[in-house]
N, C-alpha and C. Protein backbone atom coordinates (compact mmCIF):
# COMPACT_ATOMS: atom_id res chain seq x y z
N UNK A 1 43.24 106.06 51.46
CA UNK A 1 42.39 106.97 52.18
C UNK A 1 42.92 108.39 52.11
N UNK A 2 44.00 108.59 51.41
CA UNK A 2 44.60 109.91 51.29
C UNK A 2 43.76 110.78 50.36
N UNK A 3 43.70 112.06 50.69
CA UNK A 3 42.99 113.02 49.87
C UNK A 3 43.97 113.69 48.95
N UNK A 4 43.64 113.77 47.69
CA UNK A 4 44.53 114.42 46.74
C UNK A 4 43.80 115.57 46.08
N UNK A 5 44.39 116.70 45.90
CA UNK A 5 45.76 117.05 46.31
C UNK A 5 45.79 117.27 47.82
N UNK A 6 46.95 117.10 48.44
CA UNK A 6 47.05 117.31 49.88
C UNK A 6 46.71 118.76 50.22
N UNK A 7 46.04 118.94 51.37
CA UNK A 7 45.59 120.28 51.74
C UNK A 7 46.74 121.16 52.18
N UNK A 8 47.61 120.69 53.08
CA UNK A 8 48.70 121.53 53.56
C UNK A 8 49.88 120.64 53.96
N UNK A 9 51.08 120.89 53.42
CA UNK A 9 52.23 120.08 53.83
C UNK A 9 52.59 120.38 55.28
N UNK A 10 53.01 119.34 55.99
CA UNK A 10 53.33 119.44 57.41
C UNK A 10 54.76 118.96 57.61
N UNK A 11 55.54 119.70 58.39
CA UNK A 11 56.90 119.27 58.74
C UNK A 11 56.80 118.29 59.89
N UNK A 12 57.65 117.27 59.87
CA UNK A 12 57.69 116.28 60.96
C UNK A 12 59.00 116.49 61.71
N UNK A 13 58.91 116.76 63.01
CA UNK A 13 60.08 116.96 63.85
C UNK A 13 60.13 115.85 64.89
N UNK A 14 61.21 115.09 64.86
CA UNK A 14 61.42 114.03 65.82
C UNK A 14 62.44 114.53 66.84
N UNK A 15 62.01 114.71 68.07
CA UNK A 15 62.84 115.29 69.15
C UNK A 15 63.45 116.62 68.72
N UNK A 16 62.69 117.41 67.99
CA UNK A 16 63.13 118.73 67.58
C UNK A 16 63.93 118.77 66.29
N UNK A 17 64.26 117.62 65.72
CA UNK A 17 65.03 117.57 64.48
C UNK A 17 64.12 117.18 63.33
N UNK A 18 64.22 117.87 62.19
CA UNK A 18 63.36 117.53 61.05
C UNK A 18 63.67 116.15 60.49
N UNK A 19 62.63 115.45 60.12
CA UNK A 19 62.79 114.12 59.54
C UNK A 19 62.93 114.27 58.02
N UNK A 20 64.02 113.79 57.48
CA UNK A 20 64.27 113.89 56.04
C UNK A 20 63.43 112.83 55.32
N UNK A 21 62.66 113.26 54.36
CA UNK A 21 61.83 112.34 53.58
C UNK A 21 61.62 112.93 52.19
N UNK A 22 61.43 112.06 51.20
CA UNK A 22 61.20 112.53 49.85
C UNK A 22 59.80 113.09 49.70
N UNK A 23 58.84 112.51 50.40
CA UNK A 23 57.47 112.99 50.36
C UNK A 23 57.11 113.52 51.72
N UNK A 24 56.50 114.69 51.76
CA UNK A 24 56.15 115.32 53.03
C UNK A 24 54.82 114.83 53.56
N UNK A 25 54.69 114.95 54.86
CA UNK A 25 53.41 114.67 55.50
C UNK A 25 52.44 115.81 55.14
N UNK A 26 51.15 115.53 55.27
CA UNK A 26 50.17 116.56 54.95
C UNK A 26 48.96 116.41 55.85
N UNK A 27 48.26 117.51 55.99
CA UNK A 27 47.04 117.57 56.80
C UNK A 27 45.86 117.47 55.86
N UNK A 28 44.99 116.50 56.10
CA UNK A 28 43.79 116.32 55.27
C UNK A 28 42.67 115.77 56.12
N UNK A 29 41.56 116.44 56.10
CA UNK A 29 40.39 115.96 56.84
C UNK A 29 40.61 115.92 58.35
N UNK A 30 41.44 116.81 58.88
CA UNK A 30 41.68 116.85 60.30
C UNK A 30 42.69 115.84 60.81
N UNK A 31 43.31 115.08 59.93
CA UNK A 31 44.34 114.09 60.30
C UNK A 31 45.61 114.38 59.54
N UNK A 32 46.71 113.95 60.12
CA UNK A 32 48.00 114.11 59.44
C UNK A 32 48.36 112.76 58.84
N UNK A 33 48.58 112.79 57.54
CA UNK A 33 48.98 111.59 56.81
C UNK A 33 50.45 111.73 56.44
N UNK A 34 51.17 110.62 56.51
CA UNK A 34 52.59 110.61 56.13
C UNK A 34 52.92 109.26 55.55
N UNK A 35 53.97 109.19 54.72
CA UNK A 35 54.39 107.88 54.19
C UNK A 35 54.91 107.01 55.32
N UNK A 36 54.70 105.70 55.19
CA UNK A 36 55.17 104.77 56.21
C UNK A 36 56.68 104.86 56.35
N UNK A 37 57.38 104.88 55.23
CA UNK A 37 58.84 105.03 55.27
C UNK A 37 59.15 106.48 54.95
N UNK A 38 59.94 107.16 55.67
CA UNK A 38 60.83 106.70 56.72
C UNK A 38 60.27 106.85 58.14
N UNK A 39 59.10 107.49 58.33
CA UNK A 39 58.67 107.83 59.68
C UNK A 39 58.45 106.61 60.56
N UNK A 40 57.53 105.75 60.22
CA UNK A 40 57.22 104.62 61.09
C UNK A 40 58.32 103.57 61.07
N UNK A 41 58.94 103.34 59.93
CA UNK A 41 59.99 102.33 59.89
C UNK A 41 61.24 102.77 60.64
N UNK A 42 61.51 104.07 60.71
CA UNK A 42 62.70 104.55 61.41
C UNK A 42 62.48 104.58 62.92
N UNK A 43 61.26 104.88 63.35
CA UNK A 43 61.00 104.97 64.77
C UNK A 43 60.69 103.63 65.42
N UNK A 44 60.46 102.61 64.62
CA UNK A 44 60.22 101.29 65.18
C UNK A 44 61.54 100.54 65.35
N UNK A 45 61.53 99.56 66.26
CA UNK A 45 62.71 98.72 66.44
C UNK A 45 62.80 97.65 65.36
N UNK A 46 61.67 97.08 64.99
CA UNK A 46 61.63 96.04 63.97
C UNK A 46 60.43 96.29 63.06
N UNK A 47 60.57 95.89 61.80
CA UNK A 47 59.45 95.95 60.86
C UNK A 47 59.55 94.77 59.93
N UNK A 48 58.40 94.12 59.68
CA UNK A 48 58.38 92.99 58.76
C UNK A 48 56.99 92.87 58.14
N UNK A 49 56.93 92.11 57.07
CA UNK A 49 55.67 91.90 56.36
C UNK A 49 55.12 90.53 56.72
N UNK A 50 53.82 90.47 56.99
CA UNK A 50 53.09 89.21 57.16
C UNK A 50 51.99 89.22 56.11
N UNK A 51 52.31 88.67 54.95
CA UNK A 51 51.36 88.73 53.84
C UNK A 51 51.23 90.16 53.34
N UNK A 52 50.02 90.72 53.42
CA UNK A 52 49.83 92.10 52.99
C UNK A 52 49.70 93.05 54.19
N UNK A 53 50.23 92.64 55.34
CA UNK A 53 50.18 93.46 56.55
C UNK A 53 51.60 93.80 56.97
N UNK A 54 51.86 95.08 57.18
CA UNK A 54 53.15 95.53 57.70
C UNK A 54 53.06 95.53 59.22
N UNK A 55 54.01 94.89 59.88
CA UNK A 55 54.04 94.84 61.33
C UNK A 55 55.24 95.65 61.79
N UNK A 56 54.99 96.62 62.68
CA UNK A 56 56.06 97.45 63.23
C UNK A 56 56.04 97.27 64.74
N UNK A 57 57.23 97.03 65.30
CA UNK A 57 57.32 96.77 66.73
C UNK A 57 58.34 97.74 67.34
N UNK A 58 57.98 98.25 68.53
CA UNK A 58 58.88 99.13 69.27
C UNK A 58 58.63 98.95 70.75
N UNK A 59 59.69 98.60 71.48
CA UNK A 59 59.63 98.45 72.94
C UNK A 59 58.48 97.56 73.39
N UNK A 60 58.29 96.46 72.71
CA UNK A 60 57.25 95.50 73.08
C UNK A 60 55.86 95.84 72.59
N UNK A 61 55.67 96.97 71.93
CA UNK A 61 54.38 97.36 71.38
C UNK A 61 54.37 97.06 69.88
N UNK A 62 53.22 96.63 69.37
CA UNK A 62 53.12 96.23 67.98
C UNK A 62 51.99 96.98 67.29
N UNK A 63 52.26 97.40 66.06
CA UNK A 63 51.24 98.06 65.22
C UNK A 63 51.19 97.29 63.91
N UNK A 64 49.97 97.00 63.46
CA UNK A 64 49.77 96.30 62.18
C UNK A 64 49.06 97.25 61.23
N UNK A 65 49.63 97.38 60.03
CA UNK A 65 49.07 98.27 59.00
C UNK A 65 48.80 97.45 57.76
N UNK A 66 47.55 97.43 57.34
CA UNK A 66 47.18 96.69 56.13
C UNK A 66 47.61 97.45 54.89
N UNK A 67 48.23 96.73 53.96
CA UNK A 67 48.71 97.33 52.72
C UNK A 67 47.96 96.72 51.54
N UNK A 68 47.81 97.48 50.48
CA UNK A 68 47.25 96.91 49.27
C UNK A 68 48.31 96.02 48.64
N UNK A 69 47.92 95.15 47.73
CA UNK A 69 48.82 94.17 47.15
C UNK A 69 50.04 94.76 46.45
N UNK A 70 49.88 95.88 45.78
CA UNK A 70 50.99 96.46 45.02
C UNK A 70 51.82 97.45 45.85
N UNK A 71 51.42 97.75 47.07
CA UNK A 71 52.13 98.77 47.87
C UNK A 71 53.16 98.17 48.82
N UNK A 72 53.22 96.86 48.94
CA UNK A 72 54.11 96.27 49.94
C UNK A 72 55.59 96.52 49.63
N UNK A 73 55.97 96.72 48.40
CA UNK A 73 57.35 96.97 48.06
C UNK A 73 57.73 98.44 48.11
N UNK A 74 56.76 99.33 48.18
CA UNK A 74 57.01 100.78 48.15
C UNK A 74 56.38 101.41 49.39
N UNK A 75 57.04 101.29 50.54
CA UNK A 75 56.48 101.83 51.75
C UNK A 75 56.53 103.34 51.80
N UNK A 76 57.37 103.97 50.95
CA UNK A 76 57.39 105.43 50.92
C UNK A 76 56.25 106.01 50.10
N UNK A 77 55.46 105.14 49.45
CA UNK A 77 54.34 105.59 48.64
C UNK A 77 53.01 105.38 49.34
N UNK A 78 53.01 104.76 50.51
CA UNK A 78 51.77 104.46 51.22
C UNK A 78 51.59 105.48 52.35
N UNK A 79 50.52 106.26 52.29
CA UNK A 79 50.24 107.26 53.33
C UNK A 79 49.26 106.69 54.32
N UNK A 80 49.56 106.89 55.60
CA UNK A 80 48.68 106.43 56.68
C UNK A 80 48.52 107.58 57.68
N UNK A 81 47.42 107.58 58.44
CA UNK A 81 47.31 108.56 59.53
C UNK A 81 48.32 108.20 60.61
N UNK A 82 49.31 109.05 60.82
CA UNK A 82 50.45 108.67 61.66
C UNK A 82 50.22 108.88 63.15
N UNK A 83 49.30 109.76 63.54
CA UNK A 83 49.05 110.00 64.95
C UNK A 83 48.70 108.74 65.72
N UNK A 84 47.65 108.00 65.32
CA UNK A 84 47.29 106.79 66.05
C UNK A 84 48.38 105.73 66.02
N UNK A 85 49.08 105.61 64.90
CA UNK A 85 50.14 104.59 64.80
C UNK A 85 51.31 104.91 65.71
N UNK A 86 51.71 106.18 65.75
CA UNK A 86 52.83 106.58 66.62
C UNK A 86 52.46 106.47 68.09
N UNK A 87 51.22 106.83 68.44
CA UNK A 87 50.80 106.69 69.83
C UNK A 87 50.75 105.22 70.25
N UNK A 88 50.31 104.35 69.32
CA UNK A 88 50.29 102.92 69.63
C UNK A 88 51.69 102.36 69.84
N UNK A 89 52.69 102.98 69.24
CA UNK A 89 54.08 102.55 69.47
C UNK A 89 54.68 103.15 70.74
N UNK A 90 53.91 103.96 71.46
CA UNK A 90 54.38 104.52 72.71
C UNK A 90 55.07 105.85 72.59
N UNK A 91 54.90 106.55 71.47
CA UNK A 91 55.54 107.84 71.27
C UNK A 91 54.56 108.96 71.56
N UNK A 92 55.08 110.09 72.03
CA UNK A 92 54.22 111.26 72.27
C UNK A 92 54.16 112.06 70.97
N UNK A 93 52.93 112.39 70.54
CA UNK A 93 52.72 113.09 69.28
C UNK A 93 51.84 114.31 69.55
N UNK A 94 52.24 115.45 68.96
CA UNK A 94 51.47 116.69 69.14
C UNK A 94 51.58 117.49 67.85
N UNK A 95 50.47 118.11 67.45
CA UNK A 95 50.47 118.96 66.26
C UNK A 95 50.58 120.41 66.71
N UNK A 96 51.57 121.10 66.17
CA UNK A 96 51.78 122.52 66.47
C UNK A 96 51.23 123.33 65.30
N UNK A 97 50.07 123.94 65.51
CA UNK A 97 49.40 124.66 64.43
C UNK A 97 50.18 125.90 64.01
N UNK A 98 50.85 126.56 64.96
CA UNK A 98 51.59 127.79 64.64
C UNK A 98 52.75 127.51 63.69
N UNK A 99 53.45 126.40 63.90
CA UNK A 99 54.58 126.05 63.04
C UNK A 99 54.20 125.10 61.90
N UNK A 100 52.94 124.63 61.93
CA UNK A 100 52.46 123.63 60.97
C UNK A 100 53.41 122.44 60.98
N UNK A 101 53.61 121.87 62.18
CA UNK A 101 54.57 120.78 62.34
C UNK A 101 53.99 119.72 63.26
N UNK A 102 54.32 118.47 62.97
CA UNK A 102 53.99 117.36 63.82
C UNK A 102 55.19 117.11 64.71
N UNK A 103 55.02 117.25 66.01
CA UNK A 103 56.12 117.11 66.97
C UNK A 103 56.04 115.70 67.59
N UNK A 104 57.06 114.90 67.32
CA UNK A 104 57.14 113.53 67.83
C UNK A 104 58.23 113.50 68.87
N UNK A 105 57.87 113.04 70.08
CA UNK A 105 58.85 112.94 71.15
C UNK A 105 59.08 111.46 71.44
N UNK A 106 60.32 111.05 71.28
CA UNK A 106 60.69 109.65 71.54
C UNK A 106 61.01 109.56 73.02
N UNK A 107 60.34 108.67 73.72
CA UNK A 107 60.62 108.51 75.15
C UNK A 107 62.01 107.95 75.33
N UNK A 108 62.68 108.44 76.33
CA UNK A 108 64.04 107.97 76.60
C UNK A 108 63.99 106.54 77.11
N UNK A 109 64.89 105.74 76.64
CA UNK A 109 64.92 104.35 77.05
C UNK A 109 65.53 104.21 78.43
N UNK A 110 65.23 103.16 79.11
CA UNK A 110 65.78 102.90 80.44
C UNK A 110 67.28 102.67 80.35
N UNK A 111 67.96 102.89 81.42
CA UNK A 111 69.41 102.66 81.48
C UNK A 111 69.66 101.18 81.33
N UNK A 112 70.66 100.84 80.57
CA UNK A 112 70.99 99.45 80.33
C UNK A 112 71.56 98.84 81.60
N UNK A 113 70.99 97.74 82.04
CA UNK A 113 71.47 97.06 83.25
C UNK A 113 72.50 95.99 82.88
N UNK A 114 73.13 95.45 83.88
CA UNK A 114 74.10 94.39 83.66
C UNK A 114 73.39 93.17 83.09
N UNK A 115 74.09 92.35 82.31
CA UNK A 115 73.47 91.14 81.78
C UNK A 115 73.08 90.18 82.89
N UNK A 116 72.17 89.29 82.62
CA UNK A 116 71.63 88.40 83.62
C UNK A 116 72.65 87.54 84.34
N UNK A 117 73.68 86.98 83.69
CA UNK A 117 74.60 86.11 84.44
C UNK A 117 75.36 86.81 85.58
N UNK A 118 75.47 88.13 85.54
CA UNK A 118 76.21 88.83 86.59
C UNK A 118 75.36 88.92 87.86
N UNK A 119 75.94 88.50 88.99
CA UNK A 119 75.25 88.57 90.26
C UNK A 119 76.11 89.38 91.22
N UNK A 120 75.71 90.61 91.54
CA UNK A 120 76.54 91.43 92.42
C UNK A 120 76.65 90.87 93.84
N UNK A 121 75.71 90.01 94.25
CA UNK A 121 75.76 89.44 95.60
C UNK A 121 76.72 88.28 95.71
N UNK A 122 77.14 87.72 94.59
CA UNK A 122 78.06 86.57 94.62
C UNK A 122 79.45 87.05 95.05
N UNK A 123 80.20 86.17 95.78
CA UNK A 123 81.54 86.59 96.18
C UNK A 123 82.44 86.76 94.96
N UNK A 124 83.29 87.75 95.03
CA UNK A 124 84.18 87.99 93.89
C UNK A 124 85.63 87.76 94.33
N UNK A 125 86.47 87.46 93.38
CA UNK A 125 87.87 87.19 93.65
C UNK A 125 88.62 88.51 93.51
N UNK A 126 89.52 88.74 94.48
CA UNK A 126 90.33 89.96 94.42
C UNK A 126 91.27 89.87 93.22
N UNK A 127 91.56 90.97 92.57
CA UNK A 127 92.45 90.93 91.42
C UNK A 127 93.88 90.54 91.85
N UNK A 128 94.53 89.74 91.04
CA UNK A 128 95.90 89.30 91.35
C UNK A 128 96.89 90.38 90.92
N UNK A 129 98.04 90.37 91.59
CA UNK A 129 99.08 91.35 91.28
C UNK A 129 99.75 91.00 89.95
N UNK A 130 100.03 91.99 89.16
CA UNK A 130 100.69 91.76 87.88
C UNK A 130 102.10 92.32 87.99
N UNK A 131 103.06 91.48 87.60
CA UNK A 131 104.47 91.90 87.66
C UNK A 131 104.79 92.75 86.43
N UNK A 132 105.22 93.97 86.68
CA UNK A 132 105.65 94.87 85.61
C UNK A 132 107.05 95.34 85.96
N UNK A 133 108.05 94.94 85.19
CA UNK A 133 109.42 95.35 85.53
C UNK A 133 109.61 96.84 85.32
N UNK A 134 110.48 97.41 86.12
CA UNK A 134 110.81 98.83 85.98
C UNK A 134 111.64 99.03 84.73
N UNK A 135 111.40 100.10 84.04
CA UNK A 135 112.15 100.42 82.83
C UNK A 135 113.45 101.11 83.26
N UNK A 136 114.62 100.56 82.83
CA UNK A 136 115.88 101.21 83.22
C UNK A 136 116.00 102.57 82.52
N UNK A 137 116.58 103.54 83.22
CA UNK A 137 116.72 104.85 82.59
C UNK A 137 117.69 104.78 81.40
N UNK A 138 117.39 105.52 80.36
CA UNK A 138 118.23 105.56 79.18
C UNK A 138 119.36 106.55 79.42
N UNK A 139 120.63 106.12 79.16
CA UNK A 139 121.73 107.07 79.39
C UNK A 139 121.66 108.22 78.40
N UNK A 140 122.08 109.39 78.87
CA UNK A 140 122.06 110.59 78.04
C UNK A 140 123.16 110.47 76.98
N UNK A 141 122.86 110.76 75.70
CA UNK A 141 123.90 110.63 74.67
C UNK A 141 124.98 111.72 74.83
N UNK A 142 126.22 111.30 74.60
CA UNK A 142 127.36 112.22 74.68
C UNK A 142 128.08 112.17 73.35
N UNK A 143 128.28 113.35 72.71
CA UNK A 143 128.94 113.41 71.43
C UNK A 143 130.42 113.66 71.67
N UNK A 144 131.28 112.76 71.18
CA UNK A 144 132.71 112.90 71.43
C UNK A 144 133.49 113.12 70.15
N UNK A 145 132.83 113.16 69.01
CA UNK A 145 133.54 113.31 67.74
C UNK A 145 133.80 114.78 67.41
N UNK A 146 134.29 115.00 66.19
CA UNK A 146 134.56 116.36 65.76
C UNK A 146 133.23 117.07 65.50
N UNK A 147 133.17 118.40 65.69
CA UNK A 147 131.93 119.12 65.49
C UNK A 147 131.53 119.12 64.02
N UNK A 148 130.22 119.00 63.77
CA UNK A 148 129.68 119.00 62.41
C UNK A 148 129.19 120.40 62.07
N UNK A 149 129.23 120.77 60.78
CA UNK A 149 128.74 122.10 60.40
C UNK A 149 127.22 122.20 60.59
N UNK A 150 126.77 123.41 60.78
CA UNK A 150 125.34 123.65 60.93
C UNK A 150 124.65 123.37 59.61
N UNK A 151 123.50 122.66 59.66
CA UNK A 151 122.83 122.25 58.42
C UNK A 151 121.67 123.17 58.07
N UNK A 152 121.29 124.06 58.96
CA UNK A 152 120.19 124.99 58.63
C UNK A 152 120.76 126.27 58.06
N UNK A 153 120.08 126.82 57.10
CA UNK A 153 120.55 128.03 56.46
C UNK A 153 120.36 129.23 57.38
N UNK A 154 121.34 130.11 57.41
CA UNK A 154 121.23 131.33 58.18
C UNK A 154 120.65 132.42 57.29
N UNK A 155 119.77 133.26 57.84
CA UNK A 155 119.20 134.31 56.99
C UNK A 155 120.25 135.32 56.61
N UNK A 156 120.24 135.73 55.36
CA UNK A 156 121.20 136.71 54.84
C UNK A 156 120.53 138.07 54.78
N UNK A 157 121.03 139.05 55.52
CA UNK A 157 120.34 140.34 55.51
C UNK A 157 120.51 141.04 54.16
N UNK A 158 119.44 141.67 53.67
CA UNK A 158 119.56 142.38 52.39
C UNK A 158 120.52 143.57 52.55
N UNK A 159 121.41 143.77 51.58
CA UNK A 159 122.47 144.72 51.70
C UNK A 159 122.18 146.01 51.13
């Protein structure tokens, strides 16, 4: 469904950082098209093929993209309208006409909670004391032999 030649190349910024890709996104027919890889595959948690359909999953949301038979091995060569796909994955997408850029904002994930087996209401055992012996002080070395000559060179003033 891509229009060739592309009308205008568009920069893709994910959280303000440019997305490195071999092929750039472009604006055609009022939609922004971009290669599936790296944009959708990088922003998704999981991606797999089910026959000729690419399935991308992120935070419990799933997007299915139909691929032609010869395109399943080259995801960087398949252009799709990325706005609807990114919104379906739960990402905020906005086109900035002044900068000619697609701004993708990744929602911050929730704080990681303790694993399920931990129960803060359960009684806990107080930590046991650990025996650590005191380190005896090291005696200060005393030199009792004959004095040794100085081993560092002394500077010789120019005469």
